C-alpha cells in the first residue's frame, strides 16, 4: 500500500525546498517515500525504500520489535539513495486498521471580537475545541476535518475567513482510533530514531494523492485494497463524507487459496500473484498449473478456473462490504 502524505516541516536549509517524508506501515510491507516540494507545490519523489512488514496484522502493530526492524530497514534504503543530501528525521505516518472509526458532529465557537472579520485564528480555536471532545474509554481523536461552516445561521460556507459574524459553527468529520494502537505506532517510529510530524488516516492520504478536485466535487468513492485492510474514503461536493476501514484485504484471499487448494502459504501467494483472476468467466477449464510437492511427494495440479472461483468469491464479499459503507 503505497501512499502520499502531507507536508513535513523538514528543510535542508533556507535556500533549499521543503523535504517531505511519508512512512506507510502496512500489513504486507513498510514503505518510505522522500519527496521535495517544487515551486508549483507538487511533490517530486527523490527516494524510496521498502521492506517486508513482519510485525503488523490487519494494519495494527502486533509485534513492536519486528515492526521497528522493518521500519529501520525501509528508512535505511531510502536514506542510502539520498546519502549526503539530507537526513531523514521527521516523518508523516499513515494509520489504518479495523479500530479506526469516523463520526459526524457539530462544533460552535462564539467570537469575542464581534466587529472584526473571521480569521484563521477563529477557525483554529473551533478545531481545537473538537480535539478536546470527551471520547469513549480507550479511544482518542486522530484527525478533525471541518466540512461546511455556518456563520450566524448562514449555512453551506466552505471558507468563512473574511466574513463578519459572531457565531461560528461547523460540521466536522472526526476520525478516532484505539489509544493502544496509536501509541504502538508512535513507539515503533520513535524507537526507529524518527520523530512524527503528523499521523494521517491512510484513505485520506490516498485521496490526496490520486483524486482531483473535480472528482471530489462530483462525488467519488476511493477504495484502496491493501494486504490486511481495505480503506474507503467517500467524497461529495468537494468534502469528505465518510471514511471506513474494512478488516479484509489481499492476505485473506491468499489464506482462502491456501485452504481451498491445500498448499503452503508462500505457494498460495505466488499462485495468486502469477495466475490469479477475479473472474471465473475469464478462465478456461483446461488451463492447469502444477505445484511442486514437498520432499519428493507428488506435485499438485490446480485448475486456473478453480483458483479464479476462490478469488472471485472473496472479492465479491469485499466489494459488498464497500457497498454497505457507501449506503451508510
Protein backbone atom coordinates (compact mmCIF):
# COMPACT_ATOMS: atom_id res chain seq x y z
CA UNK A 1 0.00 0.00 0.00
CA UNK A 2 1.99 2.98 -1.19
CA UNK A 3 0.59 6.34 -0.09
CA UNK A 4 1.39 10.03 -0.30
CA UNK A 5 1.32 12.21 2.79
CA UNK A 6 1.05 15.84 3.81
CA UNK A 7 3.92 18.27 4.24
CA UNK A 8 6.75 17.58 6.67
CA UNK A 9 8.40 20.51 8.36
CA UNK A 10 11.84 19.22 7.47
CA UNK A 11 14.14 21.54 5.48
CA UNK A 12 17.74 21.26 4.38
CA UNK A 13 18.41 25.00 4.67
CA UNK A 14 16.81 28.31 3.79
CA UNK A 15 17.73 28.06 0.10
CA UNK A 16 16.50 24.50 -0.32
CA UNK A 17 12.88 23.44 -0.83
CA UNK A 18 10.84 21.58 1.79
CA UNK A 19 11.56 17.88 2.15
CA UNK A 20 8.51 15.63 2.64
CA UNK A 21 8.84 12.14 4.13
CA UNK A 22 5.94 9.65 4.13
CA UNK A 23 6.03 6.38 6.08
CA UNK A 24 3.39 3.75 5.36
CA UNK A 25 3.27 0.98 7.97
CA UNK A 26 1.28 -1.62 6.06
CA UNK A 27 0.36 -5.24 6.67
CA UNK A 28 2.49 -6.70 3.88
CA UNK A 29 5.20 -4.06 3.50
CA UNK A 30 6.56 -0.90 5.06
CA UNK A 31 7.34 1.87 2.59
CA UNK A 32 9.20 5.15 2.99
CA UNK A 33 8.99 7.86 0.33
CA UNK A 34 11.10 11.01 0.29
CA UNK A 35 9.91 13.91 -1.83
CA UNK A 36 10.76 17.56 -2.42
CA UNK A 37 8.12 20.22 -2.97
CA UNK A 38 8.74 22.10 -6.20
CA UNK A 39 7.84 25.71 -6.99
CA UNK A 40 4.33 24.61 -8.08
CA UNK A 41 3.59 22.98 -4.71
CA UNK A 42 3.81 19.46 -6.20
CA UNK A 43 5.89 16.75 -4.57
CA UNK A 44 8.67 15.16 -6.64
CA UNK A 45 9.80 11.77 -5.31
CA UNK A 46 13.59 11.63 -4.94
CA UNK A 47 13.98 8.40 -2.97
CA UNK A 48 12.12 5.39 -1.63
CA UNK A 49 12.72 2.32 0.46
CA UNK A 50 10.56 -0.66 1.34
CA UNK A 51 10.81 -3.75 3.48
CA UNK A 52 8.68 -6.75 4.37
CA UNK A 53 6.30 -5.94 7.22
CA UNK A 54 6.90 -8.59 9.89
CA UNK A 55 5.07 -7.22 12.93
CA UNK A 56 1.80 -5.82 11.54
CA UNK A 57 -1.52 -7.64 11.27
CA UNK A 58 -4.57 -6.05 9.57
CA UNK A 59 -2.99 -2.62 9.77
CA UNK A 60 -2.32 -2.89 13.52
CA UNK A 61 1.10 -3.31 15.15
CA UNK A 62 1.21 -6.77 16.73
CA UNK A 63 4.95 -7.01 17.43
CA UNK A 64 6.80 -3.78 18.22
CA UNK A 65 10.34 -5.15 17.88
CA UNK A 66 9.75 -6.70 14.45
CA UNK A 67 7.97 -3.55 13.24
CA UNK A 68 10.91 -1.39 14.38
CA UNK A 69 13.28 -3.64 12.40
CA UNK A 70 11.14 -3.33 9.26
CA UNK A 71 10.83 0.47 9.62
CA UNK A 72 14.59 0.82 10.14
CA UNK A 73 15.28 -1.25 7.02
CA UNK A 74 12.88 0.79 4.84
CA UNK A 75 14.29 4.09 6.15
CA UNK A 76 17.89 2.92 5.60
CA UNK A 77 17.16 2.05 1.96
CA UNK A 78 15.54 5.44 1.37
CA UNK A 79 18.42 7.18 3.15
CA UNK A 80 21.06 5.43 1.02
CA UNK A 81 19.65 6.91 -2.18
CA UNK A 82 19.89 10.47 -0.88
CA UNK A 83 23.01 9.99 1.25
CA UNK A 84 24.90 13.24 1.77
CA UNK A 85 21.98 15.38 0.56
CA UNK A 86 19.63 15.10 3.51
CA UNK A 87 18.99 13.21 6.73
CA UNK A 88 15.59 11.64 7.34
CA UNK A 89 14.33 12.77 10.76
CA UNK A 90 10.67 13.83 10.62
CA UNK A 91 8.08 11.58 9.00
CA UNK A 92 4.37 11.69 8.24
CA UNK A 93 2.90 8.34 9.25
CA UNK A 94 -0.16 6.67 7.79
CA UNK A 95 -2.57 4.86 10.09
CA UNK A 96 -5.27 2.29 9.29
CA UNK A 97 -6.65 -0.83 10.96
CA UNK A 98 -10.12 -2.01 11.87
CA UNK A 99 -10.04 0.02 15.11
CA UNK A 100 -10.45 3.24 13.09
CA UNK A 101 -13.90 4.85 13.30
CA UNK A 102 -15.40 8.07 11.97
CA UNK A 103 -18.13 10.21 13.49
CA UNK A 104 -20.03 13.30 12.37
CA UNK A 105 -20.59 16.14 14.85
CA UNK A 106 -21.07 19.91 15.03
CA UNK A 107 -18.95 22.47 16.87
CA UNK A 108 -19.75 26.05 17.92
CA UNK A 109 -17.39 28.96 18.62
CA UNK A 110 -18.66 32.35 19.80
CA UNK A 111 -16.28 35.13 18.79
CA UNK A 112 -15.24 37.77 21.33
CA UNK A 113 -14.48 40.37 18.64
CA UNK A 114 -17.97 40.87 17.24
CA UNK A 115 -17.00 43.59 14.75
CA UNK A 116 -13.85 42.19 13.14
CA UNK A 117 -13.61 39.68 10.32
CA UNK A 118 -13.43 35.93 10.93
CA UNK A 119 -9.78 34.85 10.75
CA UNK A 120 -7.85 31.59 10.71
CA UNK A 121 -7.38 32.04 14.49
CA UNK A 122 -11.15 31.64 14.97
CA UNK A 123 -11.20 28.50 12.82
CA UNK A 124 -8.22 27.04 14.70
CA UNK A 125 -9.98 27.73 18.03
CA UNK A 126 -13.07 25.87 16.79
CA UNK A 127 -10.99 22.89 15.61
CA UNK A 128 -9.03 22.81 18.90
CA UNK A 129 -12.34 22.57 20.75
CA UNK A 130 -13.15 19.45 18.73
CA UNK A 131 -9.83 17.82 19.72
CA UNK A 132 -10.88 18.38 23.35
CA UNK A 133 -14.07 16.30 22.94
CA UNK A 134 -14.58 13.56 25.54
CA UNK A 135 -14.20 10.16 23.86
CA UNK A 136 -15.17 6.67 24.97
CA UNK A 137 -12.58 4.98 27.25
CA UNK A 138 -9.63 3.68 25.23
CA UNK A 139 -10.29 5.89 22.18
CA UNK A 140 -8.57 9.06 21.01
CA UNK A 141 -9.10 11.58 18.22
CA UNK A 142 -6.64 11.20 15.33
CA UNK A 143 -7.92 13.81 12.87
CA UNK A 144 -10.57 16.55 12.85
CA UNK A 145 -11.80 17.51 9.38
CA UNK A 146 -14.11 20.56 9.00
CA UNK A 147 -16.78 20.05 6.35
CA UNK A 148 -19.00 23.09 5.89
CA UNK A 149 -19.19 26.17 8.09
CA UNK A 150 -22.21 28.10 9.40
CA UNK A 151 -21.86 31.83 10.22
CA UNK A 152 -24.76 33.34 12.20
CA UNK A 153 -27.11 30.63 10.85
CA UNK A 154 -25.99 31.16 7.22
CA UNK A 155 -25.21 27.63 6.04
CA UNK A 156 -23.11 25.95 3.36
CA UNK A 157 -19.99 28.12 3.69
CA UNK A 158 -16.75 26.40 2.65
CA UNK A 159 -14.34 29.17 3.70
CA UNK A 160 -15.57 31.70 6.30
CA UNK A 161 -12.29 33.67 6.53
CA UNK A 162 -13.02 37.34 5.84
CA UNK A 163 -16.71 37.15 6.70
CA UNK A 164 -18.24 39.04 9.63
CA UNK A 165 -20.28 37.28 12.29
CA UNK A 166 -20.46 36.34 15.95
CA UNK A 167 -21.46 32.68 15.97
CA UNK A 168 -19.14 30.37 14.00
CA UNK A 169 -20.26 26.76 13.62
CA UNK A 170 -19.02 23.84 11.56
CA UNK A 171 -19.94 20.26 10.75
CA UNK A 172 -16.96 18.01 11.46
CA UNK A 173 -15.80 14.61 10.28
CA UNK A 174 -13.83 13.21 13.23
CA UNK A 175 -11.60 10.14 12.94
CA UNK A 176 -10.86 8.15 16.08
CA UNK A 177 -8.71 5.14 16.93
CA UNK A 178 -7.78 2.96 19.88
CA UNK A 179 -5.24 4.65 22.14
CA UNK A 180 -3.10 1.50 22.41
CA UNK A 181 -2.85 1.06 18.63
CA UNK A 182 -1.95 4.70 18.03
CA UNK A 183 0.60 4.57 20.88
CA UNK A 184 2.20 1.42 19.40
CA UNK A 185 2.70 3.19 16.06
CA UNK A 186 4.28 6.20 17.80
CA UNK A 187 6.53 3.87 19.84
CA UNK A 188 7.72 1.98 16.75
CA UNK A 189 8.54 5.16 14.83
CA UNK A 190 10.32 6.79 17.78
CA UNK A 191 12.34 3.63 18.52
CA UNK A 192 13.47 3.76 14.89
CA UNK A 193 15.13 7.13 15.69
CA UNK A 194 12.48 9.24 13.98
CA UNK A 195 10.05 11.92 15.10
CA UNK A 196 6.45 12.10 13.89
CA UNK A 197 5.37 15.25 12.08
CA UNK A 198 1.78 14.09 11.65
CA UNK A 199 -0.33 10.93 11.80
CA UNK A 200 -2.69 10.71 8.83
CA UNK A 201 -5.51 8.30 8.03
CA UNK A 202 -4.44 6.14 5.09
CA UNK A 203 -7.55 6.58 2.89
CA UNK A 204 -7.32 10.38 3.25
CA UNK A 205 -3.66 10.24 2.23
CA UNK A 206 -4.55 8.07 -0.77
CA UNK A 207 -7.31 10.50 -1.75
CA UNK A 208 -4.90 13.46 -1.61
CA UNK A 209 -2.54 11.52 -3.87
CA UNK A 210 -4.88 10.30 -6.59
CA UNK A 211 -8.17 12.26 -6.62
CA UNK A 212 -8.72 15.55 -8.43
CA UNK A 213 -10.83 18.39 -7.04
CA UNK A 214 -13.35 17.77 -9.85
CA UNK A 215 -13.80 14.15 -8.79
CA UNK A 216 -14.31 15.15 -5.15
CA UNK A 217 -16.86 17.76 -6.27
CA UNK A 218 -18.83 15.34 -8.47
CA UNK A 219 -18.79 12.55 -5.87
CA UNK A 220 -16.33 9.67 -5.72
CA UNK A 221 -15.52 6.64 -3.61
CA UNK A 222 -11.86 5.78 -3.19
CA UNK A 223 -11.20 2.10 -2.38
CA UNK A 224 -7.65 1.00 -1.51
CA UNK A 225 -7.36 -2.78 -1.15
CA UNK A 226 -4.20 -3.49 0.83
CA UNK A 227 -2.75 -6.65 2.33
CA UNK A 228 -4.66 -6.66 5.62
CA UNK A 229 -7.34 -3.99 5.22
CA UNK A 230 -9.46 -2.23 2.61
CA UNK A 231 -9.56 1.55 3.09
CA UNK A 232 -12.54 3.64 1.95
CA UNK A 233 -12.97 7.40 1.60
CA UNK A 234 -16.19 8.92 0.20
CA UNK A 235 -16.28 12.49 -1.17
CA UNK A 236 -19.16 14.64 -2.39
CA UNK A 237 -19.41 18.39 -3.04
CA UNK A 238 -15.64 18.59 -2.54
CA UNK A 239 -15.94 17.40 1.08
CA UNK A 240 -15.16 14.13 2.80
CA UNK A 241 -18.42 12.47 3.84
CA UNK A 242 -17.37 9.08 5.17
CA UNK A 243 -14.26 7.03 5.91
CA UNK A 244 -14.05 3.36 6.85
CA UNK A 245 -11.53 0.54 7.20
CA UNK A 246 -12.70 -2.99 6.32
CA UNK A 247 -10.59 -5.72 8.01
CA UNK A 248 -10.12 -7.76 4.82
CA UNK A 249 -7.53 -7.44 2.06
CA UNK A 250 -5.22 -9.44 -0.16
CA UNK A 251 -3.94 -11.65 2.67
CA UNK A 252 -7.36 -13.19 3.30
CA UNK A 253 -7.52 -14.15 -0.40
CA UNK A 254 -4.14 -15.88 -0.06
CA UNK A 255 -5.45 -17.74 3.00
CA UNK A 256 -8.56 -18.83 1.06
CA UNK A 257 -6.32 -20.21 -1.72
CA UNK A 258 -4.12 -21.99 0.84
CA UNK A 259 -7.14 -23.66 2.45
CA UNK A 260 -9.03 -24.34 -0.78
CA UNK A 261 -6.09 -25.81 -2.69
CA UNK A 262 -4.36 -27.34 0.37
CA UNK A 263 -0.99 -25.83 -0.38
CA UNK A 264 1.64 -23.81 1.53
CA UNK A 265 1.16 -20.08 2.29
CA UNK A 266 4.07 -18.99 0.06
CA UNK A 267 2.81 -21.16 -2.79
CA UNK A 268 -0.69 -19.66 -2.41
CA UNK A 269 0.68 -16.09 -2.57
CA UNK A 270 2.78 -16.92 -5.66
CA UNK A 271 -0.19 -18.62 -7.30
CA UNK A 272 -2.40 -15.57 -6.63
CA UNK A 273 0.13 -13.07 -7.98
CA UNK A 274 1.15 -15.01 -11.11
CA UNK A 275 -2.05 -16.73 -12.19
CA UNK A 276 -4.88 -15.18 -10.17
CA UNK A 277 -8.02 -13.72 -11.72
CA UNK A 278 -11.11 -12.31 -10.02
CA UNK A 279 -13.40 -13.51 -12.82
CA UNK A 280 -14.19 -17.20 -13.35
CA UNK A 281 -15.66 -16.35 -16.75
CA UNK A 282 -12.22 -15.22 -17.96
CA UNK A 283 -10.54 -18.54 -17.07
CA UNK A 284 -10.55 -21.67 -19.25
CA UNK A 285 -11.23 -25.05 -17.64
CA UNK A 286 -8.31 -26.74 -19.42
CA UNK A 287 -5.67 -24.32 -18.06
CA UNK A 288 -3.79 -26.01 -15.23
CA UNK A 289 -0.81 -25.01 -13.09
CA UNK A 290 1.42 -27.56 -11.37
CA UNK A 291 2.58 -27.00 -7.75
CA UNK A 292 5.72 -28.98 -6.72
CA UNK A 293 5.24 -31.41 -3.83
CA UNK A 294 7.24 -31.30 -0.58
CA UNK A 295 10.21 -33.64 -0.01
CA UNK A 296 9.67 -35.80 -3.07
CA UNK A 297 5.90 -36.02 -2.74
CA UNK A 298 3.67 -35.89 -5.80
CA UNK A 299 3.08 -32.49 -7.36
CA UNK A 300 -0.40 -30.93 -7.24
CA UNK A 301 -2.38 -29.80 -10.27
CA UNK A 302 -4.74 -26.84 -9.85
CA UNK A 303 -7.19 -25.58 -12.44
CA UNK A 304 -7.00 -21.82 -13.00
CA UNK A 305 -10.80 -21.74 -13.12
CA UNK A 306 -10.84 -23.19 -9.58
CA UNK A 307 -8.32 -20.56 -8.47
CA UNK A 308 -10.42 -17.78 -10.02
CA UNK A 309 -13.53 -19.12 -8.27
CA UNK A 310 -11.84 -18.82 -4.86
CA UNK A 311 -10.62 -15.28 -5.59
CA UNK A 312 -13.94 -14.12 -7.06
CA UNK A 313 -15.93 -15.32 -4.03
CA UNK A 314 -13.76 -13.33 -1.59
CA UNK A 315 -13.58 -10.24 -3.84
CA UNK A 316 -17.38 -10.20 -4.13
CA UNK A 317 -17.56 -10.21 -0.31
CA UNK A 318 -15.10 -7.30 -0.03
CA UNK A 319 -16.92 -5.25 -2.68
CA UNK A 320 -20.27 -5.95 -0.97
CA UNK A 321 -18.81 -4.59 2.30
CA UNK A 322 -17.67 -1.50 0.37
CA UNK A 323 -21.23 -1.09 -0.94
CA UNK A 324 -22.59 -1.30 2.61
CA UNK A 325 -20.26 1.57 3.64
CA UNK A 326 -21.45 3.63 0.64
CA UNK A 327 -25.06 3.09 1.73
CA UNK A 328 -24.16 4.21 5.25
